[in-house]
Amino acid sequence: PTKFVMFSLVGGLGIVVHMAVLALLFGPLEV
């Protein structure tokens, strides 16, 4: 389904956002 392809592309972007925020919080901010 076309919408599923678009939804999955956004999901891939979400993984990037997740890892970037995690790296920032767990690293420099020492959370």
Full PDB file with SEQRES, HELIX, SHEET, SSBOND, CRYST1, ORIGX, SCALE, CONECT and MASTER records, all heavy atoms in Angstrom:
SEQRES   1 A   31  PRO THR LYS PHE VAL MET PHE SER LEU VAL GLY GLY LEU          
SEQRES   2 A   31  GLY ILE VAL VAL HIS MET ALA VAL LEU ALA LEU LEU PHE          
SEQRES   3 A   31  GLY PRO LEU GLU VAL                                          
HELIX    1 AA1 THR A    2  PHE A   26  1                                  25    
CRYST1    1.000    1.000    1.000  90.00  90.00  90.00 P 1           1          
ORIGX1      1.000000  0.000000  0.000000        0.00000                         
ORIGX2      0.000000  1.000000  0.000000        0.00000                         
ORIGX3      0.000000  0.000000  1.000000        0.00000                         
SCALE1      1.000000  0.000000  0.000000        0.00000                         
SCALE2      0.000000  1.000000  0.000000        0.00000                         
SCALE3      0.000000  0.000000  1.000000        0.00000                         
ATOM      1  N   PRO A   1       0.828  -1.222   0.000  1.00  0.00           N  
ATOM      2  CA  PRO A   1       0.000   0.000   0.000  1.00  0.00           C  
ATOM      3  C   PRO A   1       0.857   1.265   0.000  1.00  0.00           C  
ATOM      4  O   PRO A   1       1.854   1.356   0.725  1.00  0.00           O  
ATOM      5  CB  PRO A   1      -0.799  -0.126   1.305  1.00  0.00           C  
ATOM      6  CG  PRO A   1      -0.860  -1.591   1.558  1.00  0.00           C  
ATOM      7  CD  PRO A   1       0.455  -2.152   1.080  1.00  0.00           C  
ATOM      8  N   THR A   2       0.464   2.224  -0.815  1.00  0.00           N  
ATOM      9  CA  THR A   2       1.244   3.451  -0.967  1.00  0.00           C  
ATOM     10  C   THR A   2       1.439   4.173   0.355  1.00  0.00           C  
ATOM     11  O   THR A   2       2.543   4.633   0.684  1.00  0.00           O  
ATOM     12  CB  THR A   2       0.548   4.386  -1.973  1.00  0.00           C  
ATOM     13  OG1 THR A   2       0.364   3.687  -3.197  1.00  0.00           O  
ATOM     14  CG2 THR A   2       1.380   5.635  -2.211  1.00  0.00           C  
ATOM     15  N   LYS A   3       0.378   4.294   1.137  1.00  0.00           N  
ATOM     16  CA  LYS A   3       0.482   4.988   2.415  1.00  0.00           C  
ATOM     17  C   LYS A   3       1.446   4.268   3.357  1.00  0.00           C  
ATOM     18  O   LYS A   3       2.125   4.897   4.161  1.00  0.00           O  
ATOM     19  CB  LYS A   3      -0.897   5.103   3.079  1.00  0.00           C  
ATOM     20  CG  LYS A   3      -1.869   6.044   2.378  1.00  0.00           C  
ATOM     21  CD  LYS A   3      -1.463   7.491   2.518  1.00  0.00           C  
ATOM     22  CE  LYS A   3      -2.555   8.424   2.008  1.00  0.00           C  
ATOM     23  NZ  LYS A   3      -2.109   9.836   1.962  1.00  0.00           N  
ATOM     24  N   PHE A   4       1.504   2.932   3.265  1.00  0.00           N  
ATOM     25  CA  PHE A   4       2.417   2.179   4.123  1.00  0.00           C  
ATOM     26  C   PHE A   4       3.868   2.482   3.761  1.00  0.00           C  
ATOM     27  O   PHE A   4       4.729   2.567   4.644  1.00  0.00           O  
ATOM     28  CB  PHE A   4       2.152   0.680   4.019  1.00  0.00           C  
ATOM     29  CG  PHE A   4       3.040  -0.158   4.897  1.00  0.00           C  
ATOM     30  CD1 PHE A   4       2.920  -0.107   6.277  1.00  0.00           C  
ATOM     31  CD2 PHE A   4       4.004  -0.978   4.342  1.00  0.00           C  
ATOM     32  CE1 PHE A   4       3.742  -0.868   7.096  1.00  0.00           C  
ATOM     33  CE2 PHE A   4       4.832  -1.751   5.154  1.00  0.00           C  
ATOM     34  CZ  PHE A   4       4.706  -1.700   6.532  1.00  0.00           C  
ATOM     35  N   VAL A   5       4.145   2.645   2.465  1.00  0.00           N  
ATOM     36  CA  VAL A   5       5.500   3.009   2.043  1.00  0.00           C  
ATOM     37  C   VAL A   5       5.880   4.371   2.629  1.00  0.00           C  
ATOM     38  O   VAL A   5       6.971   4.547   3.185  1.00  0.00           O  
ATOM     39  CB  VAL A   5       5.609   3.039   0.505  1.00  0.00           C  
ATOM     40  CG1 VAL A   5       6.983   3.548   0.068  1.00  0.00           C  
ATOM     41  CG2 VAL A   5       5.361   1.652  -0.073  1.00  0.00           C  
ATOM     42  N   MET A   6       4.979   5.329   2.533  1.00  0.00           N  
ATOM     43  CA  MET A   6       5.241   6.667   3.061  1.00  0.00           C  
ATOM     44  C   MET A   6       5.384   6.630   4.581  1.00  0.00           C  
ATOM     45  O   MET A   6       6.253   7.280   5.152  1.00  0.00           O  
ATOM     46  CB  MET A   6       4.122   7.621   2.627  1.00  0.00           C  
ATOM     47  CG  MET A   6       3.972   7.740   1.108  1.00  0.00           C  
ATOM     48  SD  MET A   6       2.507   8.654   0.562  1.00  0.00           S  
ATOM     49  CE  MET A   6       3.030  10.340   0.893  1.00  0.00           C  
ATOM     50  N   PHE A   7       4.517   5.848   5.231  1.00  0.00           N  
ATOM     51  CA  PHE A   7       4.574   5.693   6.685  1.00  0.00           C  
ATOM     52  C   PHE A   7       5.911   5.086   7.110  1.00  0.00           C  
ATOM     53  O   PHE A   7       6.513   5.494   8.106  1.00  0.00           O  
ATOM     54  CB  PHE A   7       3.414   4.799   7.128  1.00  0.00           C  
ATOM     55  CG  PHE A   7       3.195   4.732   8.609  1.00  0.00           C  
ATOM     56  CD1 PHE A   7       2.405   5.658   9.252  1.00  0.00           C  
ATOM     57  CD2 PHE A   7       3.761   3.707   9.366  1.00  0.00           C  
ATOM     58  CE1 PHE A   7       2.181   5.589  10.630  1.00  0.00           C  
ATOM     59  CE2 PHE A   7       3.552   3.633  10.731  1.00  0.00           C  
ATOM     60  CZ  PHE A   7       2.760   4.573  11.366  1.00  0.00           C  
ATOM     61  N   SER A   8       6.406   4.115   6.346  1.00  0.00           N  
ATOM     62  CA  SER A   8       7.673   3.448   6.672  1.00  0.00           C  
ATOM     63  C   SER A   8       8.863   4.381   6.478  1.00  0.00           C  
ATOM     64  O   SER A   8       9.837   4.336   7.238  1.00  0.00           O  
ATOM     65  CB  SER A   8       7.834   2.190   5.820  1.00  0.00           C  
ATOM     66  OG  SER A   8       6.797   1.267   6.077  1.00  0.00           O  
ATOM     67  N   LEU A   9       8.788   5.234   5.449  1.00  0.00           N  
ATOM     68  CA  LEU A   9       9.852   6.214   5.243  1.00  0.00           C  
ATOM     69  C   LEU A   9       9.950   7.154   6.445  1.00  0.00           C  
ATOM     70  O   LEU A   9      11.049   7.483   6.907  1.00  0.00           O  
ATOM     71  CB  LEU A   9       9.590   7.016   3.964  1.00  0.00           C  
ATOM     72  CG  LEU A   9       9.748   6.260   2.643  1.00  0.00           C  
ATOM     73  CD1 LEU A   9       9.303   7.137   1.475  1.00  0.00           C  
ATOM     74  CD2 LEU A   9      11.192   5.821   2.439  1.00  0.00           C  
ATOM     75  N   VAL A  10       8.811   7.557   6.951  1.00  0.00           N  
ATOM     76  CA  VAL A  10       8.798   8.419   8.133  1.00  0.00           C  
ATOM     77  C   VAL A  10       9.327   7.657   9.343  1.00  0.00           C  
ATOM     78  O   VAL A  10      10.055   8.205  10.176  1.00  0.00           O  
ATOM     79  CB  VAL A  10       7.377   8.952   8.410  1.00  0.00           C  
ATOM     80  CG1 VAL A  10       7.335   9.757   9.703  1.00  0.00           C  
ATOM     81  CG2 VAL A  10       6.905   9.814   7.244  1.00  0.00           C  
ATOM     82  N   GLY A  11       8.992   6.372   9.422  1.00  0.00           N  
ATOM     83  CA  GLY A  11       9.501   5.550  10.510  1.00  0.00           C  
ATOM     84  C   GLY A  11      11.018   5.470  10.508  1.00  0.00           C  
ATOM     85  O   GLY A  11      11.663   5.500  11.571  1.00  0.00           O  
ATOM     86  N   GLY A  12      11.597   5.388   9.315  1.00  0.00           N  
ATOM     87  CA  GLY A  12      13.056   5.397   9.215  1.00  0.00           C  
ATOM     88  C   GLY A  12      13.639   6.690   9.739  1.00  0.00           C  
ATOM     89  O   GLY A  12      14.673   6.688  10.435  1.00  0.00           O  
ATOM     90  N   LEU A  13      12.974   7.805   9.428  1.00  0.00           N  
ATOM     91  CA  LEU A  13      13.415   9.094   9.962  1.00  0.00           C  
ATOM     92  C   LEU A  13      13.305   9.108  11.482  1.00  0.00           C  
ATOM     93  O   LEU A  13      14.172   9.663  12.182  1.00  0.00           O  
ATOM     94  CB  LEU A  13      12.553  10.216   9.366  1.00  0.00           C  
ATOM     95  CG  LEU A  13      12.797  11.633   9.904  1.00  0.00           C  
ATOM     96  CD1 LEU A  13      14.211  12.083   9.579  1.00  0.00           C  
ATOM     97  CD2 LEU A  13      11.772  12.604   9.328  1.00  0.00           C  
ATOM     98  N   GLY A  14      12.271   8.451  12.009  1.00  0.00           N  
ATOM     99  CA  GLY A  14      12.090   8.402  13.456  1.00  0.00           C  
ATOM    100  C   GLY A  14      13.227   7.682  14.162  1.00  0.00           C  
ATOM    101  O   GLY A  14      13.620   8.064  15.275  1.00  0.00           O  
ATOM    102  N   ILE A  15      13.772   6.664  13.517  1.00  0.00           N  
ATOM    103  CA  ILE A  15      14.920   5.961  14.103  1.00  0.00           C  
ATOM    104  C   ILE A  15      16.114   6.901  14.228  1.00  0.00           C  
ATOM    105  O   ILE A  15      16.822   6.925  15.238  1.00  0.00           O  
ATOM    106  CB  ILE A  15      15.284   4.724  13.249  1.00  0.00           C  
ATOM    107  CG1 ILE A  15      14.152   3.693  13.320  1.00  0.00           C  
ATOM    108  CG2 ILE A  15      16.598   4.105  13.724  1.00  0.00           C  
ATOM    109  CD1 ILE A  15      14.345   2.516  12.387  1.00  0.00           C  
ATOM    110  N   VAL A  16      16.333   7.713  13.186  1.00  0.00           N  
ATOM    111  CA  VAL A  16      17.438   8.678  13.209  1.00  0.00           C  
ATOM    112  C   VAL A  16      17.233   9.681  14.346  1.00  0.00           C  
ATOM    113  O   VAL A  16      18.166   9.996  15.103  1.00  0.00           O  
ATOM    114  CB  VAL A  16      17.547   9.406  11.850  1.00  0.00           C  
ATOM    115  CG1 VAL A  16      18.608  10.505  11.917  1.00  0.00           C  
ATOM    116  CG2 VAL A  16      17.888   8.413  10.744  1.00  0.00           C  
ATOM    117  N   VAL A  17      16.004  10.190  14.474  1.00  0.00           N  
ATOM    118  CA  VAL A  17      15.696  11.148  15.545  1.00  0.00           C  
ATOM    119  C   VAL A  17      15.921  10.508  16.907  1.00  0.00           C  
ATOM    120  O   VAL A  17      16.533  11.109  17.808  1.00  0.00           O  
ATOM    121  CB  VAL A  17      14.242  11.650  15.414  1.00  0.00           C  
ATOM    122  CG1 VAL A  17      13.846  12.484  16.633  1.00  0.00           C  
ATOM    123  CG2 VAL A  17      14.072  12.465  14.143  1.00  0.00           C  
ATOM    124  N   HIS A  18      15.437   9.290  17.066  1.00  0.00           N  
ATOM    125  CA  HIS A  18      15.589   8.581  18.341  1.00  0.00           C  
ATOM    126  C   HIS A  18      17.062   8.454  18.730  1.00  0.00           C  
ATOM    127  O   HIS A  18      17.452   8.777  19.867  1.00  0.00           O  
ATOM    128  CB  HIS A  18      14.950   7.189  18.232  1.00  0.00           C  
ATOM    129  CG  HIS A  18      15.026   6.389  19.493  1.00  0.00           C  
ATOM    130  ND1 HIS A  18      13.930   6.175  20.298  1.00  0.00           N  
ATOM    131  CD2 HIS A  18      16.064   5.753  20.099  1.00  0.00           C  
ATOM    132  CE1 HIS A  18      14.289   5.456  21.342  1.00  0.00           C  
ATOM    133  NE2 HIS A  18      15.587   5.171  21.240  1.00  0.00           N  
ATOM    134  N   MET A  19      17.882   7.984  17.801  1.00  0.00           N  
ATOM    135  CA  MET A  19      19.289   7.764  18.114  1.00  0.00           C  
ATOM    136  C   MET A  19      20.012   9.077  18.392  1.00  0.00           C  
ATOM    137  O   MET A  19      20.885   9.145  19.262  1.00  0.00           O  
ATOM    138  CB  MET A  19      19.965   7.016  16.964  1.00  0.00           C  
ATOM    139  CG  MET A  19      19.412   5.616  16.714  1.00  0.00           C  
ATOM    140  SD  MET A  19      19.435   4.570  18.188  1.00  0.00           S  
ATOM    141  CE  MET A  19      21.207   4.393  18.427  1.00  0.00           C  
ATOM    142  N   ALA A  20      19.650  10.132  17.662  1.00  0.00           N  
ATOM    143  CA  ALA A  20      20.300  11.428  17.875  1.00  0.00           C  
ATOM    144  C   ALA A  20      19.971  11.979  19.263  1.00  0.00           C  
ATOM    145  O   ALA A  20      20.859  12.485  19.982  1.00  0.00           O  
ATOM    146  CB  ALA A  20      19.861  12.407  16.789  1.00  0.00           C  
ATOM    147  N   VAL A  21      18.689  11.898  19.657  1.00  0.00           N  
ATOM    148  CA  VAL A  21      18.285  12.398  20.970  1.00  0.00           C  
ATOM    149  C   VAL A  21      18.914  11.547  22.074  1.00  0.00           C  
ATOM    150  O   VAL A  21      19.397  12.070  23.091  1.00  0.00           O  
ATOM    151  CB  VAL A  21      16.749  12.406  21.089  1.00  0.00           C  
ATOM    152  CG1 VAL A  21      16.319  12.756  22.516  1.00  0.00           C  
ATOM    153  CG2 VAL A  21      16.153  13.394  20.102  1.00  0.00           C  
ATOM    154  N   LEU A  22      18.921  10.232  21.893  1.00  0.00           N  
ATOM    155  CA  LEU A  22      19.515   9.343  22.886  1.00  0.00           C  
ATOM    156  C   LEU A  22      21.001   9.640  23.076  1.00  0.00           C  
ATOM    157  O   LEU A  22      21.499   9.699  24.209  1.00  0.00           O  
ATOM    158  CB  LEU A  22      19.304   7.886  22.468  1.00  0.00           C  
ATOM    159  CG  LEU A  22      19.880   6.818  23.409  1.00  0.00           C  
ATOM    160  CD1 LEU A  22      19.231   6.914  24.785  1.00  0.00           C  
ATOM    161  CD2 LEU A  22      19.676   5.423  22.813  1.00  0.00           C  
ATOM    162  N   ALA A  23      21.709   9.838  21.955  1.00  0.00           N  
ATOM    163  CA  ALA A  23      23.135  10.134  22.037  1.00  0.00           C  
ATOM    164  C   ALA A  23      23.396  11.445  22.771  1.00  0.00           C  
ATOM    165  O   ALA A  23      24.339  11.560  23.563  1.00  0.00           O  
ATOM    166  CB  ALA A  23      23.735  10.188  20.629  1.00  0.00           C  
ATOM    167  N   LEU A  24      22.541  12.439  22.533  1.00  0.00           N  
ATOM    168  CA  LEU A  24      22.697  13.732  23.195  1.00  0.00           C  
ATOM    169  C   LEU A  24      22.423  13.630  24.695  1.00  0.00           C  
ATOM    170  O   LEU A  24      23.192  14.149  25.521  1.00  0.00           O  
ATOM    171  CB  LEU A  24      21.748  14.749  22.560  1.00  0.00           C  
ATOM    172  CG  LEU A  24      21.707  16.142  23.209  1.00  0.00           C  
ATOM    173  CD1 LEU A  24      23.060  16.825  23.069  1.00  0.00           C  
ATOM    174  CD2 LEU A  24      20.610  16.989  22.588  1.00  0.00           C  
ATOM    175  N   LEU A  25      21.337  12.959  25.056  1.00  0.00           N  
ATOM    176  CA  LEU A  25      20.966  12.864  26.468  1.00  0.00           C  
ATOM    177  C   LEU A  25      21.931  11.984  27.259  1.00  0.00           C  
ATOM    178  O   LEU A  25      22.373  12.346  28.355  1.00  0.00           O  
ATOM    179  CB  LEU A  25      19.540  12.309  26.597  1.00  0.00           C  
ATOM    180  CG  LEU A  25      18.409  13.207  26.080  1.00  0.00           C  
ATOM    181  CD1 LEU A  25      17.081  12.466  26.135  1.00  0.00           C  
ATOM    182  CD2 LEU A  25      18.324  14.499  26.872  1.00  0.00           C  
ATOM    183  N   PHE A  26      22.264  10.825  26.718  1.00  0.00           N  
ATOM    184  CA  PHE A  26      23.101   9.875  27.435  1.00  0.00           C  
ATOM    185  C   PHE A  26      24.571  10.290  27.431  1.00  0.00           C  
ATOM    186  O   PHE A  26      25.327   9.932  28.336  1.00  0.00           O  
ATOM    187  CB  PHE A  26      22.942   8.490  26.805  1.00  0.00           C  
ATOM    188  CG  PHE A  26      23.644   7.400  27.556  1.00  0.00           C  
ATOM    189  CD1 PHE A  26      23.328   7.115  28.878  1.00  0.00           C  
ATOM    190  CD2 PHE A  26      24.659   6.667  26.952  1.00  0.00           C  
ATOM    191  CE1 PHE A  26      23.984   6.112  29.579  1.00  0.00           C  
ATOM    192  CE2 PHE A  26      25.325   5.661  27.648  1.00  0.00           C  
ATOM    193  CZ  PHE A  26      24.980   5.379  28.962  1.00  0.00           C  
ATOM    194  N   GLY A  27      24.948  11.081  26.403  1.00  0.00           N  
ATOM    195  CA  GLY A  27      26.338  11.515  26.298  1.00  0.00           C  
ATOM    196  C   GLY A  27      26.588  12.824  27.000  1.00  0.00           C  
ATOM    197  O   GLY A  27      26.760  12.865  28.236  1.00  0.00           O  
ATOM    198  N   PRO A  28      26.611  13.933  26.278  1.00  0.00           N  
ATOM    199  CA  PRO A  28      26.962  15.238  26.855  1.00  0.00           C  
ATOM    200  C   PRO A  28      26.094  15.647  28.045  1.00  0.00           C  
ATOM    201  O   PRO A  28      26.582  16.264  28.994  1.00  0.00           O  
ATOM    202  CB  PRO A  28      26.769  16.203  25.681  1.00  0.00           C  
ATOM    203  CG  PRO A  28      26.909  15.356  24.467  1.00  0.00           C  
ATOM    204  CD  PRO A  28      26.362  14.018  24.821  1.00  0.00           C  
ATOM    205  N   LEU A  29      24.796  15.325  28.031  1.00  0.00           N  
ATOM    206  CA  LEU A  29      23.906  15.757  29.112  1.00  0.00           C  
ATOM    207  C   LEU A  29      23.896  14.792  30.296  1.00  0.00           C  
ATOM    208  O   LEU A  29      23.296  15.091  31.333  1.00  0.00           O  
ATOM    209  CB  LEU A  29      22.481  15.937  28.568  1.00  0.00           C  
ATOM    210  CG  LEU A  29      22.327  16.996  27.477  1.00  0.00           C  
ATOM    211  CD1 LEU A  29      20.873  17.132  27.051  1.00  0.00           C  
ATOM    212  CD2 LEU A  29      22.865  18.344  27.937  1.00  0.00           C  
ATOM    213  N   GLU A  30      24.514  13.624  30.134  1.00  0.00           N  
ATOM    214  CA  GLU A  30      24.712  12.644  31.220  1.00  0.00           C  
ATOM    215  C   GLU A  30      23.406  12.236  31.912  1.00  0.00           C  
ATOM    216  O   GLU A  30      23.340  12.097  33.131  1.00  0.00           O  
ATOM    217  CB  GLU A  30      25.713  13.184  32.252  1.00  0.00           C  
ATOM    218  CG  GLU A  30      27.093  13.451  31.662  1.00  0.00           C  
ATOM    219  CD  GLU A  30      28.079  13.945  32.704  1.00  0.00           C  
ATOM    220  OE1 GLU A  30      27.635  14.271  33.822  1.00  0.00           O  
ATOM    221  OE2 GLU A  30      29.276  13.982  32.400  1.00  0.00           O  
ATOM    222  N   VAL A  31      22.373  12.065  31.132  1.00  0.00           N  
ATOM    223  CA  VAL A  31      21.112  11.542  31.656  1.00  0.00           C  
ATOM    224  C   VAL A  31      21.223  10.019  31.726  1.00  0.00           C  
ATOM    225  O   VAL A  31      21.831   9.386  30.855  1.00  0.00           O  
ATOM    226  CB  VAL A  31      19.939  11.960  30.753  1.00  0.00           C  
ATOM    227  CG1 VAL A  31      18.631  11.354  31.246  1.00  0.00           C  
ATOM    228  CG2 VAL A  31      19.833  13.482  30.695  1.00  0.00           C  
TER     229      VAL A  31                                                      
MASTER        0    0    0    1    0    0    0    6  228    1    0    3          
END                                                                             
